[in-house]
Amino acid sequence: MVFDIIRNRRSVFPAQYNDKAVTKADIEKILEAANWAPTHKKTEPWRFKVLHGPSQARLGQFLSNKYQEVEARPKQIKIRKLLENPVKAGAVIAICMQRDPKESLPEWEEVAAVSMAVQNMWLCCTQMGIGAYWSSPGLIRYMDEFFQLDQAERCLGFFYMGHYDGDLPDVIRGAIEHKVDWIE
């Protein structure tokens, strides 16, 4: 049931991934789920760049080098994580947004549409037993130096995916009653 999948969705980080590959067929299925996200005025602003195999190490090297270049006091642990996390993943998908050239709707609506596409991916991963995590480091503002981005396209983050062992912890949410006002 979809409600159970929603409740069981968790952030699963690269450090938790095992060595089992995420297949191209699985990635294609996950991306197809993204493509069915709602989109105002049918702009379909989501764009994805899949890093699978050797390109993951190149991404890690780029992020690590860029961090050392722009950070006044780079931390060794962050340098290592930026270098290693893409390689630990079964795949990394760069989450991008292509702004409607006519700007026929507010930018936040296109960001929301991309976010819904990512939620579809995450729910699909949950159903498939694949761990996932959306990372949005400050370094994404430099991704035009790594990827060929179209005009008005920008990177919003990275969707890390990987298989994992064991159970994920339960999550407790505050009661919805404290977050809703009923107006009659």
C-alpha atoms as a PDB file:
ATOM      1  CA  MET A   1       0.000   0.000   0.000  1.00  0.00           C
ATOM      2  CA  VAL A   2       1.316   3.453  -0.870  1.00  0.00           C
ATOM      3  CA  PHE A   3       0.790   4.790   2.656  1.00  0.00           C
ATOM      4  CA  ASP A   4       3.138   2.120   4.036  1.00  0.00           C
ATOM      5  CA  ILE A   5       5.786   2.994   1.448  1.00  0.00           C
ATOM      6  CA  ILE A   6       5.497   6.682   2.397  1.00  0.00           C
ATOM      7  CA  ARG A   7       5.858   5.874   6.101  1.00  0.00           C
ATOM      8  CA  ASN A   8       8.849   3.589   5.485  1.00  0.00           C
ATOM      9  CA  ARG A   9      10.833   6.035   3.328  1.00  0.00           C
ATOM     10  CA  ARG A  10      14.121   6.909   5.016  1.00  0.00           C
ATOM     11  CA  SER A  11      17.364   8.656   4.251  1.00  0.00           C
ATOM     12  CA  VAL A  12      19.948   5.937   3.750  1.00  0.00           C
ATOM     13  CA  PHE A  13      23.442   7.400   3.515  1.00  0.00           C
ATOM     14  CA  PRO A  14      26.395   6.232   1.390  1.00  0.00           C
ATOM     15  CA  ALA A  15      28.221   4.926   4.486  1.00  0.00           C
ATOM     16  CA  GLN A  16      25.351   2.413   4.886  1.00  0.00           C
ATOM     17  CA  TYR A  17      25.510   1.039   1.323  1.00  0.00           C
ATOM     18  CA  ASN A  18      26.888  -2.394   0.543  1.00  0.00           C
ATOM     19  CA  ASP A  19      28.659  -3.466  -2.653  1.00  0.00           C
ATOM     20  CA  LYS A  20      25.559  -4.759  -4.456  1.00  0.00           C
ATOM     21  CA  ALA A  21      25.159  -2.903  -7.749  1.00  0.00           C
ATOM     22  CA  VAL A  22      22.148  -0.771  -8.621  1.00  0.00           C
ATOM     23  CA  THR A  23      21.367  -1.948 -12.135  1.00  0.00           C
ATOM     24  CA  LYS A  24      20.720   0.275 -15.118  1.00  0.00           C
ATOM     25  CA  ALA A  25      17.247  -1.278 -15.398  1.00  0.00           C
ATOM     26  CA  ASP A  26      16.485  -0.282 -11.782  1.00  0.00           C
ATOM     27  CA  ILE A  27      17.753   3.247 -12.397  1.00  0.00           C
ATOM     28  CA  GLU A  28      15.594   3.551 -15.508  1.00  0.00           C
ATOM     29  CA  LYS A  29      12.540   2.403 -13.542  1.00  0.00           C
ATOM     30  CA  ILE A  30      13.283   4.943 -10.801  1.00  0.00           C
ATOM     31  CA  LEU A  31      13.680   7.729 -13.374  1.00  0.00           C
ATOM     32  CA  GLU A  32      10.422   6.726 -15.055  1.00  0.00           C
ATOM     33  CA  ALA A  33       8.684   7.177 -11.683  1.00  0.00           C
ATOM     34  CA  ALA A  34      10.206  10.673 -11.489  1.00  0.00           C
ATOM     35  CA  ASN A  35       8.795  11.525 -14.889  1.00  0.00           C
ATOM     36  CA  TRP A  36       5.237  11.106 -13.575  1.00  0.00           C
ATOM     37  CA  ALA A  37       5.490  13.910 -11.027  1.00  0.00           C
ATOM     38  CA  PRO A  38       2.883  16.666 -11.175  1.00  0.00           C
ATOM     39  CA  THR A  39       3.922  19.735 -13.119  1.00  0.00           C
ATOM     40  CA  HIS A  40       2.065  23.022 -13.389  1.00  0.00           C
ATOM     41  CA  LYS A  41       1.618  24.141 -17.005  1.00  0.00           C
ATOM     42  CA  LYS A  42       3.312  20.877 -18.020  1.00  0.00           C
ATOM     43  CA  THR A  43       6.792  22.419 -17.965  1.00  0.00           C
ATOM     44  CA  GLU A  44       8.329  19.119 -16.736  1.00  0.00           C
ATOM     45  CA  PRO A  45      11.378  20.975 -15.347  1.00  0.00           C
ATOM     46  CA  TRP A  46      13.203  17.922 -13.936  1.00  0.00           C
ATOM     47  CA  ARG A  47      16.463  16.953 -15.562  1.00  0.00           C
ATOM     48  CA  PHE A  48      18.743  14.177 -14.384  1.00  0.00           C
ATOM     49  CA  LYS A  49      22.355  13.287 -14.999  1.00  0.00           C
ATOM     50  CA  VAL A  50      23.154   9.706 -14.025  1.00  0.00           C
ATOM     51  CA  LEU A  51      26.623   8.926 -12.736  1.00  0.00           C
ATOM     52  CA  HIS A  52      27.230   5.209 -12.836  1.00  0.00           C
ATOM     53  CA  GLY A  53      30.626   3.524 -12.726  1.00  0.00           C
ATOM     54  CA  PRO A  54      33.858   5.530 -13.288  1.00  0.00           C
ATOM     55  CA  SER A  55      32.023   8.875 -13.479  1.00  0.00           C
ATOM     56  CA  GLN A  56      31.222   8.533  -9.765  1.00  0.00           C
ATOM     57  CA  ALA A  57      34.935   8.703  -8.887  1.00  0.00           C
ATOM     58  CA  ARG A  58      35.328  11.737 -11.173  1.00  0.00           C
ATOM     59  CA  LEU A  59      32.455  13.460  -9.344  1.00  0.00           C
ATOM     60  CA  GLY A  60      34.056  12.721  -5.966  1.00  0.00           C
ATOM     61  CA  GLN A  61      37.403  14.078  -7.148  1.00  0.00           C
ATOM     62  CA  PHE A  62      35.748  17.233  -8.516  1.00  0.00           C
ATOM     63  CA  LEU A  63      33.780  17.877  -5.310  1.00  0.00           C
ATOM     64  CA  SER A  64      36.806  17.267  -3.099  1.00  0.00           C
ATOM     65  CA  ASN A  65      39.064  19.516  -5.197  1.00  0.00           C
ATOM     66  CA  LYS A  66      36.457  22.281  -5.475  1.00  0.00           C
ATOM     67  CA  TYR A  67      35.843  22.225  -1.720  1.00  0.00           C
ATOM     68  CA  GLN A  68      39.582  22.630  -1.065  1.00  0.00           C
ATOM     69  CA  GLU A  69      39.711  25.453  -3.598  1.00  0.00           C
ATOM     70  CA  VAL A  70      36.817  27.500  -2.184  1.00  0.00           C
ATOM     71  CA  GLU A  71      36.992  26.709   1.533  1.00  0.00           C
ATOM     72  CA  ALA A  72      39.370  28.874   3.562  1.00  0.00           C
ATOM     73  CA  ARG A  73      39.920  26.134   6.163  1.00  0.00           C
ATOM     74  CA  PRO A  74      39.002  22.799   4.592  1.00  0.00           C
ATOM     75  CA  LYS A  75      38.368  19.937   6.988  1.00  0.00           C
ATOM     76  CA  GLN A  76      40.061  16.617   6.210  1.00  0.00           C
ATOM     77  CA  ILE A  77      36.967  14.588   7.123  1.00  0.00           C
ATOM     78  CA  LYS A  78      34.841  16.554   4.641  1.00  0.00           C
ATOM     79  CA  ILE A  79      37.483  16.233   1.920  1.00  0.00           C
ATOM     80  CA  ARG A  80      37.410  12.456   2.436  1.00  0.00           C
ATOM     81  CA  LYS A  81      33.599  12.227   2.475  1.00  0.00           C
ATOM     82  CA  LEU A  82      33.274  14.280  -0.708  1.00  0.00           C
ATOM     83  CA  LEU A  83      35.815  12.016  -2.369  1.00  0.00           C
ATOM     84  CA  GLU A  84      34.409   8.697  -1.120  1.00  0.00           C
ATOM     85  CA  ASN A  85      30.602   9.089  -0.971  1.00  0.00           C
ATOM     86  CA  PRO A  86      29.986   9.054  -4.725  1.00  0.00           C
ATOM     87  CA  VAL A  87      32.067   5.878  -5.040  1.00  0.00           C
ATOM     88  CA  LYS A  88      30.255   4.162  -2.150  1.00  0.00           C
ATOM     89  CA  ALA A  89      26.927   4.673  -3.913  1.00  0.00           C
ATOM     90  CA  GLY A  90      25.481   2.216  -6.406  1.00  0.00           C
ATOM     91  CA  ALA A  91      24.667   5.280  -8.526  1.00  0.00           C
ATOM     92  CA  VAL A  92      24.451   9.032  -8.137  1.00  0.00           C
ATOM     93  CA  ILE A  93      21.866  11.115  -9.949  1.00  0.00           C
ATOM     94  CA  ALA A  94      22.405  14.843 -10.281  1.00  0.00           C
ATOM     95  CA  ILE A  95      19.038  16.508  -9.708  1.00  0.00           C
ATOM     96  CA  CYS A  96      18.695  19.445 -12.076  1.00  0.00           C
ATOM     97  CA  MET A  97      15.969  21.908 -12.973  1.00  0.00           C
ATOM     98  CA  GLN A  98      15.405  23.440 -16.380  1.00  0.00           C
ATOM     99  CA  ARG A  99      13.664  26.757 -15.872  1.00  0.00           C
ATOM    100  CA  ASP A 100      10.776  27.436 -18.242  1.00  0.00           C
ATOM    101  CA  PRO A 101      12.230  29.907 -20.772  1.00  0.00           C
ATOM    102  CA  LYS A 102       8.968  31.850 -20.819  1.00  0.00           C
ATOM    103  CA  GLU A 103       8.988  32.011 -17.008  1.00  0.00           C
ATOM    104  CA  SER A 104       5.283  31.359 -17.261  1.00  0.00           C
ATOM    105  CA  LEU A 105       5.111  30.371 -13.606  1.00  0.00           C
ATOM    106  CA  PRO A 106       7.036  31.210 -10.447  1.00  0.00           C
ATOM    107  CA  GLU A 107      10.388  29.478 -10.066  1.00  0.00           C
ATOM    108  CA  TRP A 108       9.331  27.935  -6.743  1.00  0.00           C
ATOM    109  CA  GLU A 109       6.656  25.927  -8.584  1.00  0.00           C
ATOM    110  CA  GLU A 110       9.290  24.391 -10.821  1.00  0.00           C
ATOM    111  CA  VAL A 111      11.516  23.638  -7.828  1.00  0.00           C
ATOM    112  CA  ALA A 112       8.455  22.027  -6.209  1.00  0.00           C
ATOM    113  CA  ALA A 113       7.835  19.926  -9.330  1.00  0.00           C
ATOM    114  CA  VAL A 114      11.439  18.714  -9.305  1.00  0.00           C
ATOM    115  CA  SER A 115      11.086  17.935  -5.596  1.00  0.00           C
ATOM    116  CA  MET A 116       7.979  15.868  -6.311  1.00  0.00           C
ATOM    117  CA  ALA A 117       9.894  13.999  -9.018  1.00  0.00           C
ATOM    118  CA  VAL A 118      12.588  13.221  -6.446  1.00  0.00           C
ATOM    119  CA  GLN A 119       9.947  12.090  -3.952  1.00  0.00           C
ATOM    120  CA  ASN A 120       8.618   9.701  -6.611  1.00  0.00           C
ATOM    121  CA  MET A 121      12.166   8.375  -7.074  1.00  0.00           C
ATOM    122  CA  TRP A 122      12.601   7.978  -3.321  1.00  0.00           C
ATOM    123  CA  LEU A 123       9.310   6.127  -2.905  1.00  0.00           C
ATOM    124  CA  CYS A 124      10.195   3.868  -5.820  1.00  0.00           C
ATOM    125  CA  CYS A 125      13.587   3.145  -4.216  1.00  0.00           C
ATOM    126  CA  THR A 126      11.853   2.340  -0.919  1.00  0.00           C
ATOM    127  CA  GLN A 127       9.523  -0.110  -2.641  1.00  0.00           C
ATOM    128  CA  MET A 128      12.506  -1.693  -4.455  1.00  0.00           C
ATOM    129  CA  GLY A 129      14.633  -2.035  -1.283  1.00  0.00           C
ATOM    130  CA  ILE A 130      17.190   0.525  -2.459  1.00  0.00           C
ATOM    131  CA  GLY A 131      18.463   3.128  -0.003  1.00  0.00           C
ATOM    132  CA  ALA A 132      18.505   6.749  -1.089  1.00  0.00           C
ATOM    133  CA  TYR A 133      19.581  10.166   0.101  1.00  0.00           C
ATOM    134  CA  TRP A 134      19.200  13.677  -1.366  1.00  0.00           C
ATOM    135  CA  SER A 135      22.331  15.719  -0.715  1.00  0.00           C
ATOM    136  CA  SER A 136      22.418  19.420  -1.532  1.00  0.00           C
ATOM    137  CA  PRO A 137      25.900  20.663  -0.663  1.00  0.00           C
ATOM    138  CA  GLY A 138      26.855  24.277  -1.280  1.00  0.00           C
ATOM    139  CA  LEU A 139      29.189  22.982  -3.980  1.00  0.00           C
ATOM    140  CA  ILE A 140      26.233  22.418  -6.326  1.00  0.00           C
ATOM    141  CA  ARG A 141      26.599  26.040  -7.427  1.00  0.00           C
ATOM    142  CA  TYR A 142      29.795  24.972  -9.214  1.00  0.00           C
ATOM    143  CA  MET A 143      28.336  21.997 -11.070  1.00  0.00           C
ATOM    144  CA  ASP A 144      28.342  23.869 -14.375  1.00  0.00           C
ATOM    145  CA  GLU A 145      32.114  23.297 -14.238  1.00  0.00           C
ATOM    146  CA  PHE A 146      31.556  19.525 -14.135  1.00  0.00           C
ATOM    147  CA  PHE A 147      28.410  18.986 -16.214  1.00  0.00           C
ATOM    148  CA  GLN A 148      27.277  20.476 -19.467  1.00  0.00           C
ATOM    149  CA  LEU A 149      24.234  22.409 -18.235  1.00  0.00           C
ATOM    150  CA  ASP A 150      21.814  24.030 -20.649  1.00  0.00           C
ATOM    151  CA  GLN A 151      20.977  27.702 -20.383  1.00  0.00           C
ATOM    152  CA  ALA A 152      18.674  28.267 -17.381  1.00  0.00           C
ATOM    153  CA  GLU A 153      19.438  24.749 -16.080  1.00  0.00           C
ATOM    154  CA  ARG A 154      20.861  24.392 -12.605  1.00  0.00           C
ATOM    155  CA  CYS A 155      21.810  21.591 -10.269  1.00  0.00           C
ATOM    156  CA  LEU A 156      19.714  21.253  -7.090  1.00  0.00           C
ATOM    157  CA  GLY A 157      21.600  18.371  -5.519  1.00  0.00           C
ATOM    158  CA  PHE A 158      22.566  14.731  -5.749  1.00  0.00           C
ATOM    159  CA  PHE A 159      20.412  11.659  -5.249  1.00  0.00           C
ATOM    160  CA  TYR A 160      22.649   8.917  -3.866  1.00  0.00           C
ATOM    161  CA  MET A 161      21.360   5.350  -4.181  1.00  0.00           C
ATOM    162  CA  GLY A 162      22.619   2.023  -2.932  1.00  0.00           C
ATOM    163  CA  HIS A 163      21.632  -1.310  -1.517  1.00  0.00           C
ATOM    164  CA  TYR A 164      22.050  -1.739   2.225  1.00  0.00           C
ATOM    165  CA  ASP A 165      22.018  -4.488   4.822  1.00  0.00           C
ATOM    166  CA  GLY A 166      19.833  -4.667   7.896  1.00  0.00           C
ATOM    167  CA  ASP A 167      16.804  -2.769   9.029  1.00  0.00           C
ATOM    168  CA  LEU A 168      16.364   0.968   9.085  1.00  0.00           C
ATOM    169  CA  PRO A 169      15.398   2.707  12.304  1.00  0.00           C
ATOM    170  CA  ASP A 170      11.850   3.750  13.015  1.00  0.00           C
ATOM    171  CA  VAL A 171      11.157   7.450  12.766  1.00  0.00           C
ATOM    172  CA  ILE A 172       8.863   9.338  15.052  1.00  0.00           C
ATOM    173  CA  ARG A 173       6.953  12.324  13.727  1.00  0.00           C
ATOM    174  CA  GLY A 174       5.086  14.870  15.752  1.00  0.00           C
ATOM    175  CA  ALA A 175       1.324  14.496  15.687  1.00  0.00           C
ATOM    176  CA  ILE A 176      -0.354  15.993  12.635  1.00  0.00           C
ATOM    177  CA  GLU A 177      -2.950  17.564  14.934  1.00  0.00           C
ATOM    178  CA  HIS A 178      -0.266  20.053  16.042  1.00  0.00           C
ATOM    179  CA  LYS A 179       0.391  21.098  12.437  1.00  0.00           C
ATOM    180  CA  VAL A 180      -3.126  21.643  11.152  1.00  0.00           C
ATOM    181  CA  ASP A 181      -5.717  24.323  11.720  1.00  0.00           C
ATOM    182  CA  TRP A 182      -9.248  23.370  10.722  1.00  0.00           C
ATOM    183  CA  ILE A 183     -11.160  26.401   9.511  1.00  0.00           C
ATOM    184  CA  GLU A 184     -14.911  26.084   9.193  1.00  0.00           C
END
